C-alpha atoms as a PDB file:
ATOM      1  CA  MET A   1      21.239  -6.331  28.877  1.00  0.00           C
ATOM      2  CA  SER A   2      20.392  -5.695  32.472  1.00  0.00           C
ATOM      3  CA  ALA A   3      21.636  -7.871  35.283  1.00  0.00           C
ATOM      4  CA  ILE A   4      20.424  -8.099  38.842  1.00  0.00           C
ATOM      5  CA  GLY A   5      22.524  -5.843  41.067  1.00  0.00           C
ATOM      6  CA  ALA A   6      22.540  -4.998  44.733  1.00  0.00           C
ATOM      7  CA  TYR A   7      19.212  -5.192  46.547  1.00  0.00           C
ATOM      8  CA  GLY A   8      17.627  -7.150  43.688  1.00  0.00           C
ATOM      9  CA  MET A   9      17.448  -4.118  41.373  1.00  0.00           C
ATOM     10  CA  LYS A  10      18.305  -4.520  37.706  1.00  0.00           C
ATOM     11  CA  THR A  11      21.513  -2.844  36.620  1.00  0.00           C
ATOM     12  CA  THR A  12      23.406  -2.096  33.418  1.00  0.00           C
ATOM     13  CA  ASN A  13      26.673  -1.571  35.288  1.00  0.00           C
ATOM     14  CA  TYR A  14      29.857  -3.439  34.469  1.00  0.00           C
ATOM     15  CA  TYR A  15      32.931  -3.565  36.674  1.00  0.00           C
ATOM     16  CA  ASN A  16      36.561  -3.618  35.549  1.00  0.00           C
ATOM     17  CA  THR A  17      35.402  -4.029  31.946  1.00  0.00           C
ATOM     18  CA  LEU A  18      36.216  -2.581  28.541  1.00  0.00           C
ATOM     19  CA  ILE A  19      33.390  -2.465  26.031  1.00  0.00           C
ATOM     20  CA  GLU A  20      35.446  -2.467  22.855  1.00  0.00           C
ATOM     21  CA  VAL A  21      34.359  -0.827  19.622  1.00  0.00           C
ATOM     22  CA  ALA A  22      32.012  -2.991  17.532  1.00  0.00           C
ATOM     23  CA  GLU A  23      33.521  -5.093  14.780  1.00  0.00           C
ATOM     24  CA  ASP A  24      31.399  -3.337  12.167  1.00  0.00           C
ATOM     25  CA  CYS A  25      31.978   0.227  13.410  1.00  0.00           C
ATOM     26  CA  PRO A  26      32.263   2.417  10.292  1.00  0.00           C
ATOM     27  CA  VAL A  27      35.006   4.740  11.613  1.00  0.00           C
ATOM     28  CA  GLN A  28      38.689   4.097  12.227  1.00  0.00           C
ATOM     29  CA  VAL A  29      39.148   7.322  14.193  1.00  0.00           C
ATOM     30  CA  ALA A  30      36.655   8.119  16.945  1.00  0.00           C
ATOM     31  CA  GLU A  31      34.162  10.866  16.212  1.00  0.00           C
ATOM     32  CA  VAL A  32      32.253  13.141  18.560  1.00  0.00           C
ATOM     33  CA  PRO A  33      28.491  12.603  18.213  1.00  0.00           C
ATOM     34  CA  SER A  34      26.767  15.640  16.733  1.00  0.00           C
ATOM     35  CA  GLN A  35      25.673  18.058  19.431  1.00  0.00           C
ATOM     36  CA  SER A  36      24.181  20.676  17.132  1.00  0.00           C
ATOM     37  CA  ASP A  37      20.633  19.312  17.213  1.00  0.00           C
ATOM     38  CA  PRO A  38      18.558  20.951  19.978  1.00  0.00           C
ATOM     39  CA  ALA A  39      17.177  17.502  20.847  1.00  0.00           C
ATOM     40  CA  LEU A  40      20.505  15.822  21.552  1.00  0.00           C
ATOM     41  CA  SER A  41      20.869  12.192  20.583  1.00  0.00           C
ATOM     42  CA  ALA A  42      21.370   9.565  23.260  1.00  0.00           C
ATOM     43  CA  ALA A  43      24.986   9.169  22.093  1.00  0.00           C
ATOM     44  CA  ALA A  44      25.619  12.925  22.396  1.00  0.00           C
ATOM     45  CA  ILE A  45      24.184  12.985  25.927  1.00  0.00           C
ATOM     46  CA  GLN A  46      26.223   9.935  26.946  1.00  0.00           C
ATOM     47  CA  PHE A  47      29.375  11.375  25.387  1.00  0.00           C
ATOM     48  CA  GLU A  48      28.969  14.742  27.074  1.00  0.00           C
ATOM     49  CA  MET A  49      28.362  13.234  30.509  1.00  0.00           C
ATOM     50  CA  VAL A  50      31.246  10.787  30.452  1.00  0.00           C
ATOM     51  CA  VAL A  51      33.859  12.951  28.707  1.00  0.00           C
ATOM     52  CA  GLU A  52      33.210  15.905  31.001  1.00  0.00           C
ATOM     53  CA  SER A  53      33.310  13.726  34.130  1.00  0.00           C
ATOM     54  CA  PRO A  54      35.367  10.554  33.584  1.00  0.00           C
ATOM     55  CA  TYR A  55      34.977   7.870  36.236  1.00  0.00           C
ATOM     56  CA  ILE A  56      32.176   9.785  37.985  1.00  0.00           C
ATOM     57  CA  TYR A  57      29.023   8.184  36.551  1.00  0.00           C
ATOM     58  CA  THR A  58      27.954   4.548  36.321  1.00  0.00           C
ATOM     59  CA  SER A  59      26.201   3.109  33.310  1.00  0.00           C
ATOM     60  CA  ASP A  60      22.926   3.203  35.242  1.00  0.00           C
ATOM     61  CA  ASP A  61      23.456   6.938  35.861  1.00  0.00           C
ATOM     62  CA  VAL A  62      24.163   7.661  32.200  1.00  0.00           C
ATOM     63  CA  ILE A  63      21.337   5.572  30.785  1.00  0.00           C
ATOM     64  CA  PHE A  64      18.813   7.056  33.204  1.00  0.00           C
ATOM     65  CA  ARG A  65      19.977  10.621  32.436  1.00  0.00           C
ATOM     66  CA  VAL A  66      19.283  10.018  28.734  1.00  0.00           C
ATOM     67  CA  HIS A  67      15.796   8.808  29.653  1.00  0.00           C
ATOM     68  CA  GLN A  68      15.298  11.764  31.979  1.00  0.00           C
ATOM     69  CA  LEU A  69      16.209  14.314  29.307  1.00  0.00           C
ATOM     70  CA  LYS A  70      14.329  12.600  26.484  1.00  0.00           C
ATOM     71  CA  HIS A  71      11.131  12.320  28.551  1.00  0.00           C
ATOM     72  CA  ASP A  72      11.308  15.661  30.369  1.00  0.00           C
ATOM     73  CA  VAL A  73      11.505  14.066  33.811  1.00  0.00           C
ATOM     74  CA  GLY A  74      12.042  16.867  36.304  1.00  0.00           C
ATOM     75  CA  ASP A  75      14.531  16.600  39.141  1.00  0.00           C
ATOM     76  CA  GLU A  76      11.704  16.578  41.685  1.00  0.00           C
ATOM     77  CA  SER A  77      10.273  13.323  40.275  1.00  0.00           C
ATOM     78  CA  ALA A  78      13.590  11.789  39.159  1.00  0.00           C
ATOM     79  CA  LEU A  79      14.044   9.423  42.102  1.00  0.00           C
ATOM     80  CA  ALA A  80      10.616   7.799  41.729  1.00  0.00           C
ATOM     81  CA  GLU A  81      11.000   7.665  37.938  1.00  0.00           C
ATOM     82  CA  ARG A  82      14.443   6.058  38.251  1.00  0.00           C
ATOM     83  CA  GLU A  83      13.002   3.306  40.437  1.00  0.00           C
ATOM     84  CA  ARG A  84      10.325   2.592  37.814  1.00  0.00           C
ATOM     85  CA  PHE A  85      12.859   2.856  35.009  1.00  0.00           C
ATOM     86  CA  VAL A  86      15.368   0.364  36.423  1.00  0.00           C
ATOM     87  CA  ALA A  87      12.648  -2.077  37.465  1.00  0.00           C
ATOM     88  CA  LYS A  88      11.997  -2.838  33.775  1.00  0.00           C
ATOM     89  CA  GLY A  89      15.617  -3.463  32.833  1.00  0.00           C
ATOM     90  CA  GLN A  90      17.366  -1.444  30.140  1.00  0.00           C
ATOM     91  CA  PRO A  91      19.872  -2.009  27.331  1.00  0.00           C
ATOM     92  CA  CYS A  92      23.437  -1.585  28.534  1.00  0.00           C
ATOM     93  CA  MET A  93      26.258   0.535  27.118  1.00  0.00           C
ATOM     94  CA  ARG A  94      27.138  -2.297  24.707  1.00  0.00           C
ATOM     95  CA  SER A  95      24.182  -1.081  22.627  1.00  0.00           C
ATOM     96  CA  SER A  96      25.295   2.568  22.689  1.00  0.00           C
ATOM     97  CA  ALA A  97      26.109   4.253  19.402  1.00  0.00           C
ATOM     98  CA  LEU A  98      29.366   5.399  21.025  1.00  0.00           C
ATOM     99  CA  GLY A  99      30.870   1.951  20.452  1.00  0.00           C
ATOM    100  CA  LYS A 100      28.733   0.920  17.500  1.00  0.00           C
ATOM    101  CA  ARG A 101      28.978   4.013  15.300  1.00  0.00           C
ATOM    102  CA  TYR A 102      31.385   6.591  16.738  1.00  0.00           C
ATOM    103  CA  GLY A 103      34.489   4.539  17.656  1.00  0.00           C
ATOM    104  CA  TRP A 104      34.604   4.975  21.444  1.00  0.00           C
ATOM    105  CA  GLY A 105      35.533   2.260  23.911  1.00  0.00           C
ATOM    106  CA  VAL A 106      33.704   2.399  27.240  1.00  0.00           C
ATOM    107  CA  HIS A 107      35.822   1.508  30.263  1.00  0.00           C
ATOM    108  CA  SER A 108      34.235   0.673  33.609  1.00  0.00           C
ATOM    109  CA  ASN A 109      36.625   0.823  36.548  1.00  0.00           C
ATOM    110  CA  PRO A 110      36.385  -1.547  39.541  1.00  0.00           C
ATOM    111  CA  GLU A 111      33.698   0.722  41.065  1.00  0.00           C
ATOM    112  CA  GLY A 112      31.622   0.593  37.851  1.00  0.00           C
ATOM    113  CA  ARG A 113      32.319   4.214  36.889  1.00  0.00           C
ATOM    114  CA  LEU A 114      32.781   5.044  33.189  1.00  0.00           C
ATOM    115  CA  ALA A 115      35.356   6.721  30.970  1.00  0.00           C
ATOM    116  CA  LEU A 116      35.582   6.863  27.168  1.00  0.00           C
ATOM    117  CA  TYR A 117      38.660   6.164  25.065  1.00  0.00           C
ATOM    118  CA  ALA A 118      39.008   6.722  21.343  1.00  0.00           C
ATOM    119  CA  ARG A 119      39.735   3.483  19.523  1.00  0.00           C
ATOM    120  CA  GLU A 120      42.964   4.929  18.083  1.00  0.00           C
ATOM    121  CA  SER A 121      44.294   6.105  21.464  1.00  0.00           C
ATOM    122  CA  GLU A 122      47.194   4.574  23.338  1.00  0.00           C
ATOM    123  CA  ARG A 123      45.034   4.101  26.440  1.00  0.00           C
ATOM    124  CA  TYR A 124      42.408   2.174  24.449  1.00  0.00           C
ATOM    125  CA  ALA A 125      45.153  -0.112  23.107  1.00  0.00           C
ATOM    126  CA  GLN A 126      46.467  -0.685  26.642  1.00  0.00           C
ATOM    127  CA  LEU A 127      43.024  -1.539  27.971  1.00  0.00           C
ATOM    128  CA  ALA A 128      42.167  -3.715  24.946  1.00  0.00           C
ATOM    129  CA  SER A 129      45.294  -5.805  25.482  1.00  0.00           C
ATOM    130  CA  GLY A 130      45.002  -5.887  29.261  1.00  0.00           C
ATOM    131  CA  PRO A 131      44.508  -9.398  30.648  1.00  0.00           C
ATOM    132  CA  LYS A 132      43.177  -8.260  34.019  1.00  0.00           C
ATOM    133  CA  ILE A 133      39.895  -6.773  32.807  1.00  0.00           C
ATOM    134  CA  VAL A 134      36.807  -8.210  31.180  1.00  0.00           C
ATOM    135  CA  HIS A 135      36.623  -7.623  27.425  1.00  0.00           C
ATOM    136  CA  LEU A 136      33.269  -7.270  25.698  1.00  0.00           C
ATOM    137  CA  LYS A 137      32.426  -5.929  22.260  1.00  0.00           C
ATOM    138  CA  ALA A 138      29.868  -3.258  21.542  1.00  0.00           C
ATOM    139  CA  LEU A 139      26.930  -4.817  19.751  1.00  0.00           C
ATOM    140  CA  ARG A 140      27.147  -5.016  15.993  1.00  0.00           C
ATOM    141  CA  SER A 141      24.900  -2.761  13.943  1.00  0.00           C
ATOM    142  CA  LYS A 142      24.210  -5.532  11.461  1.00  0.00           C
ATOM    143  CA  ARG A 143      23.802  -9.264  11.843  1.00  0.00           C
ATOM    144  CA  ALA A 144      26.888 -11.307  11.062  1.00  0.00           C
END
């Protein structure tokens, strides 16, 4: 869910937070979202962005880039479209298939920049047991 960030704009960013893998995630070992389809899924786009550039992009950056690619928003109109896009509020990374289906934890550093960690990795375990960060769960795929 979006929150109100700086300057009154809605944001999906978290800070110093680990979005842990959903309780009902079907995999025990993280999987890479399929990238073979010419129309990449949102999870594949998110994965590619964050894995290739850890701690570079915020959640707002990643979520808007998915929108930009899915709706053929050119770079020349991206700024105006981003303003319209964030004004409505958007689902956050807790609703991403990365944590719900593919087994990836999403870590936001103190600046709100993202990195992904496989649920079976040592770094994920360290972050998941760390008392100095906020712990949230990815949203469940099914109702409890």
